[in-house]
Amino acid sequence: MGQVIEINQGEVKVKFNSPTTGKITFEELGISDDELVLEGGFLRLLFDMEGIGEHDYYAVPTIEVAYKENCSETHWQCDFNEETILDKYDHHGNSTVMLLNRKKLSSLEHHHENKLIVHAEFPEKVHLSAAGSYINLFK
């Protein structure tokens, strides 16, 4: 598929070697539910798009993170190349959808280093769903 995955407690790093089109679940990336247990309630997702060439973003780049618990409030922050592009709270639910601004991503793009980082803070220990969580960045 063109990605390299690294997983640590509370952190998932995905390095794209080429633009991967369409919706890709975490499960399709090779990540299992067992690897997505957040003991401390903190999550850091790093999508490294360094050196993949021309970025042709989906009309509305989307990241959805699904979790098994019904969380009362979660805090989400997305940074692209060290600039915050989304900062939101999500109330009561089992998933969070982040709709990113394609024009903003394009304007912040660098020639070489392009990193999209998603930080999440859950009120308690949480179990993410690999099959229910996905990214859709490129068309």
C-alpha atoms as a PDB file:
ATOM      1  CA  MET A   1       0.000   0.000   0.000  1.00  0.00           C
ATOM      2  CA  GLY A   2       2.908   2.389   0.387  1.00  0.00           C
ATOM      3  CA  GLN A   3       2.972   3.097   4.125  1.00  0.00           C
ATOM      4  CA  VAL A   4       5.276   2.320   7.019  1.00  0.00           C
ATOM      5  CA  ILE A   5       3.508   1.969  10.387  1.00  0.00           C
ATOM      6  CA  GLU A   6       5.029   2.401  13.859  1.00  0.00           C
ATOM      7  CA  ILE A   7       2.922   1.937  16.997  1.00  0.00           C
ATOM      8  CA  ASN A   8       3.800   2.885  20.568  1.00  0.00           C
ATOM      9  CA  GLN A   9       1.513   3.320  23.602  1.00  0.00           C
ATOM     10  CA  GLY A  10      -0.753   6.221  22.719  1.00  0.00           C
ATOM     11  CA  GLU A  11       0.970   6.942  19.417  1.00  0.00           C
ATOM     12  CA  VAL A  12       0.520   5.751  15.836  1.00  0.00           C
ATOM     13  CA  LYS A  13       2.914   6.914  13.109  1.00  0.00           C
ATOM     14  CA  VAL A  14       2.047   6.389   9.450  1.00  0.00           C
ATOM     15  CA  LYS A  15       4.667   7.307   6.857  1.00  0.00           C
ATOM     16  CA  PHE A  16       3.288   7.486   3.338  1.00  0.00           C
ATOM     17  CA  ASN A  17       5.704   6.532   0.561  1.00  0.00           C
ATOM     18  CA  SER A  18       3.145   7.567  -2.059  1.00  0.00           C
ATOM     19  CA  PRO A  19      -0.299   9.169  -2.017  1.00  0.00           C
ATOM     20  CA  THR A  20      -2.841   6.483  -1.158  1.00  0.00           C
ATOM     21  CA  THR A  21      -6.224   7.296  -2.625  1.00  0.00           C
ATOM     22  CA  GLY A  22      -9.600   6.803  -1.021  1.00  0.00           C
ATOM     23  CA  LYS A  23     -10.776   5.789   2.421  1.00  0.00           C
ATOM     24  CA  ILE A  24      -8.264   3.621   4.320  1.00  0.00           C
ATOM     25  CA  THR A  25      -9.214   2.095   7.660  1.00  0.00           C
ATOM     26  CA  PHE A  26      -6.646   1.661  10.409  1.00  0.00           C
ATOM     27  CA  GLU A  27      -7.280  -2.074  10.023  1.00  0.00           C
ATOM     28  CA  GLU A  28      -6.284  -1.875   6.334  1.00  0.00           C
ATOM     29  CA  LEU A  29      -3.085  -0.140   7.449  1.00  0.00           C
ATOM     30  CA  GLY A  30      -2.318  -3.300   9.449  1.00  0.00           C
ATOM     31  CA  ILE A  31      -3.251  -1.967  12.887  1.00  0.00           C
ATOM     32  CA  SER A  32      -5.250  -4.160  15.281  1.00  0.00           C
ATOM     33  CA  ASP A  33      -7.673  -3.172  18.053  1.00  0.00           C
ATOM     34  CA  ASP A  34      -5.219  -4.618  20.613  1.00  0.00           C
ATOM     35  CA  GLU A  35      -2.640  -2.034  19.546  1.00  0.00           C
ATOM     36  CA  LEU A  36      -5.134   0.789  20.007  1.00  0.00           C
ATOM     37  CA  VAL A  37      -5.787   0.644  23.764  1.00  0.00           C
ATOM     38  CA  LEU A  38      -5.036   4.077  25.218  1.00  0.00           C
ATOM     39  CA  GLU A  39      -4.237   3.460  28.873  1.00  0.00           C
ATOM     40  CA  GLY A  40      -3.788   7.141  29.730  1.00  0.00           C
ATOM     41  CA  GLY A  41      -6.508   8.473  27.457  1.00  0.00           C
ATOM     42  CA  PHE A  42      -4.048  10.320  25.210  1.00  0.00           C
ATOM     43  CA  LEU A  43      -3.590   9.736  21.479  1.00  0.00           C
ATOM     44  CA  ARG A  44      -1.089  11.099  18.980  1.00  0.00           C
ATOM     45  CA  LEU A  45      -1.499  10.234  15.303  1.00  0.00           C
ATOM     46  CA  LEU A  46       1.315  11.269  12.980  1.00  0.00           C
ATOM     47  CA  PHE A  47       0.775  11.133   9.232  1.00  0.00           C
ATOM     48  CA  ASP A  48       4.139  11.769   7.572  1.00  0.00           C
ATOM     49  CA  MET A  49       3.765  12.716   3.915  1.00  0.00           C
ATOM     50  CA  GLU A  50       7.396  13.650   3.334  1.00  0.00           C
ATOM     51  CA  GLY A  51       8.653  13.171  -0.186  1.00  0.00           C
ATOM     52  CA  ILE A  52       5.530  11.669  -1.772  1.00  0.00           C
ATOM     53  CA  GLY A  53       5.502  14.209  -4.575  1.00  0.00           C
ATOM     54  CA  GLU A  54       2.410  16.081  -5.657  1.00  0.00           C
ATOM     55  CA  HIS A  55      -0.347  16.093  -3.040  1.00  0.00           C
ATOM     56  CA  ASP A  56      -3.781  15.859  -4.620  1.00  0.00           C
ATOM     57  CA  TYR A  57      -6.092  16.137  -1.640  1.00  0.00           C
ATOM     58  CA  TYR A  58      -9.582  14.725  -1.452  1.00  0.00           C
ATOM     59  CA  ALA A  59     -12.292  17.450  -1.666  1.00  0.00           C
ATOM     60  CA  VAL A  60     -12.724  17.334   2.130  1.00  0.00           C
ATOM     61  CA  PRO A  61      -9.800  15.441   3.704  1.00  0.00           C
ATOM     62  CA  THR A  62     -11.339  13.415   6.525  1.00  0.00           C
ATOM     63  CA  ILE A  63     -10.114  11.559   9.590  1.00  0.00           C
ATOM     64  CA  GLU A  64     -12.536   9.540  11.698  1.00  0.00           C
ATOM     65  CA  VAL A  65     -11.546   7.882  14.955  1.00  0.00           C
ATOM     66  CA  ALA A  66     -14.030   5.391  16.424  1.00  0.00           C
ATOM     67  CA  TYR A  67     -13.872   4.101  19.993  1.00  0.00           C
ATOM     68  CA  LYS A  68     -15.728   1.451  21.928  1.00  0.00           C
ATOM     69  CA  GLU A  69     -16.536   3.573  24.972  1.00  0.00           C
ATOM     70  CA  ASN A  70     -19.156   6.303  24.959  1.00  0.00           C
ATOM     71  CA  CYS A  71     -16.961   9.233  25.996  1.00  0.00           C
ATOM     72  CA  SER A  72     -18.465  12.318  27.562  1.00  0.00           C
ATOM     73  CA  GLU A  73     -16.013  14.804  26.057  1.00  0.00           C
ATOM     74  CA  THR A  74     -12.910  14.509  23.915  1.00  0.00           C
ATOM     75  CA  HIS A  75     -10.526  17.243  22.817  1.00  0.00           C
ATOM     76  CA  TRP A  76      -8.978  17.103  19.331  1.00  0.00           C
ATOM     77  CA  GLN A  77      -6.264  19.204  17.760  1.00  0.00           C
ATOM     78  CA  CYS A  78      -4.820  18.827  14.251  1.00  0.00           C
ATOM     79  CA  ASP A  79      -1.545  20.446  13.276  1.00  0.00           C
ATOM     80  CA  PHE A  80      -0.094  20.487   9.773  1.00  0.00           C
ATOM     81  CA  ASN A  81       3.541  21.524   9.497  1.00  0.00           C
ATOM     82  CA  GLU A  82       3.399  22.928  13.024  1.00  0.00           C
ATOM     83  CA  GLU A  83       0.335  25.118  12.436  1.00  0.00           C
ATOM     84  CA  THR A  84      -2.976  24.309  14.124  1.00  0.00           C
ATOM     85  CA  ILE A  85      -5.638  23.753  11.476  1.00  0.00           C
ATOM     86  CA  LEU A  86      -8.381  22.328  13.719  1.00  0.00           C
ATOM     87  CA  ASP A  87      -9.097  22.531  17.454  1.00  0.00           C
ATOM     88  CA  LYS A  88     -12.403  21.134  18.688  1.00  0.00           C
ATOM     89  CA  TYR A  89     -14.258  19.421  21.489  1.00  0.00           C
ATOM     90  CA  ASP A  90     -16.547  16.505  20.753  1.00  0.00           C
ATOM     91  CA  HIS A  91     -19.341  15.745  23.202  1.00  0.00           C
ATOM     92  CA  HIS A  92     -20.887  12.347  23.985  1.00  0.00           C
ATOM     93  CA  GLY A  93     -20.310   9.666  21.423  1.00  0.00           C
ATOM     94  CA  ASN A  94     -18.348   6.716  20.095  1.00  0.00           C
ATOM     95  CA  SER A  95     -16.484   8.458  17.282  1.00  0.00           C
ATOM     96  CA  THR A  96     -15.094  11.784  16.155  1.00  0.00           C
ATOM     97  CA  VAL A  97     -14.977  13.016  12.575  1.00  0.00           C
ATOM     98  CA  MET A  98     -12.454  15.683  11.606  1.00  0.00           C
ATOM     99  CA  LEU A  99     -13.108  17.502   8.339  1.00  0.00           C
ATOM    100  CA  LEU A 100      -9.980  19.297   7.167  1.00  0.00           C
ATOM    101  CA  ASN A 101      -9.723  22.288   4.872  1.00  0.00           C
ATOM    102  CA  ARG A 102      -8.057  21.175   1.626  1.00  0.00           C
ATOM    103  CA  LYS A 103      -7.041  24.743   0.673  1.00  0.00           C
ATOM    104  CA  LYS A 104      -5.450  25.284   4.095  1.00  0.00           C
ATOM    105  CA  LEU A 105      -3.471  22.028   3.767  1.00  0.00           C
ATOM    106  CA  SER A 106      -2.269  23.024   0.293  1.00  0.00           C
ATOM    107  CA  SER A 107      -1.214  26.492   1.464  1.00  0.00           C
ATOM    108  CA  LEU A 108       0.863  25.029   4.320  1.00  0.00           C
ATOM    109  CA  GLU A 109       2.537  22.351   2.202  1.00  0.00           C
ATOM    110  CA  HIS A 110       6.355  22.276   2.047  1.00  0.00           C
ATOM    111  CA  HIS A 111       8.525  20.774  -0.665  1.00  0.00           C
ATOM    112  CA  HIS A 112       9.914  18.047   1.579  1.00  0.00           C
ATOM    113  CA  GLU A 113       8.595  17.812   5.130  1.00  0.00           C
ATOM    114  CA  ASN A 114       4.822  17.513   5.473  1.00  0.00           C
ATOM    115  CA  LYS A 115       3.481  16.189   8.769  1.00  0.00           C
ATOM    116  CA  LEU A 116      -0.130  16.038   9.884  1.00  0.00           C
ATOM    117  CA  ILE A 117      -0.376  15.442  13.635  1.00  0.00           C
ATOM    118  CA  VAL A 118      -3.623  14.704  15.459  1.00  0.00           C
ATOM    119  CA  HIS A 119      -3.688  15.002  19.257  1.00  0.00           C
ATOM    120  CA  ALA A 120      -6.624  13.639  21.239  1.00  0.00           C
ATOM    121  CA  GLU A 121      -7.430  13.727  24.929  1.00  0.00           C
ATOM    122  CA  PHE A 122     -10.039  11.325  26.288  1.00  0.00           C
ATOM    123  CA  PRO A 123     -11.475  11.584  29.811  1.00  0.00           C
ATOM    124  CA  GLU A 124     -10.464   7.964  30.582  1.00  0.00           C
ATOM    125  CA  LYS A 125      -8.846   4.822  29.216  1.00  0.00           C
ATOM    126  CA  VAL A 126     -10.277   4.105  25.767  1.00  0.00           C
ATOM    127  CA  HIS A 127     -10.241   1.312  23.173  1.00  0.00           C
ATOM    128  CA  LEU A 128     -10.105   2.509  19.561  1.00  0.00           C
ATOM    129  CA  SER A 129     -11.682   0.543  16.721  1.00  0.00           C
ATOM    130  CA  ALA A 130      -9.248  -0.205  13.880  1.00  0.00           C
ATOM    131  CA  ALA A 131     -12.064  -1.158  11.477  1.00  0.00           C
ATOM    132  CA  GLY A 132     -14.162   1.908  12.390  1.00  0.00           C
ATOM    133  CA  SER A 133     -11.316   4.442  12.217  1.00  0.00           C
ATOM    134  CA  TYR A 134     -10.109   5.734   8.878  1.00  0.00           C
ATOM    135  CA  ILE A 135      -8.354   8.429   6.906  1.00  0.00           C
ATOM    136  CA  ASN A 136      -9.287   9.810   3.506  1.00  0.00           C
ATOM    137  CA  LEU A 137      -6.674  12.353   2.501  1.00  0.00           C
ATOM    138  CA  PHE A 138      -5.971  11.903  -1.213  1.00  0.00           C
ATOM    139  CA  LYS A 139      -8.139  11.477  -4.294  1.00  0.00           C
END
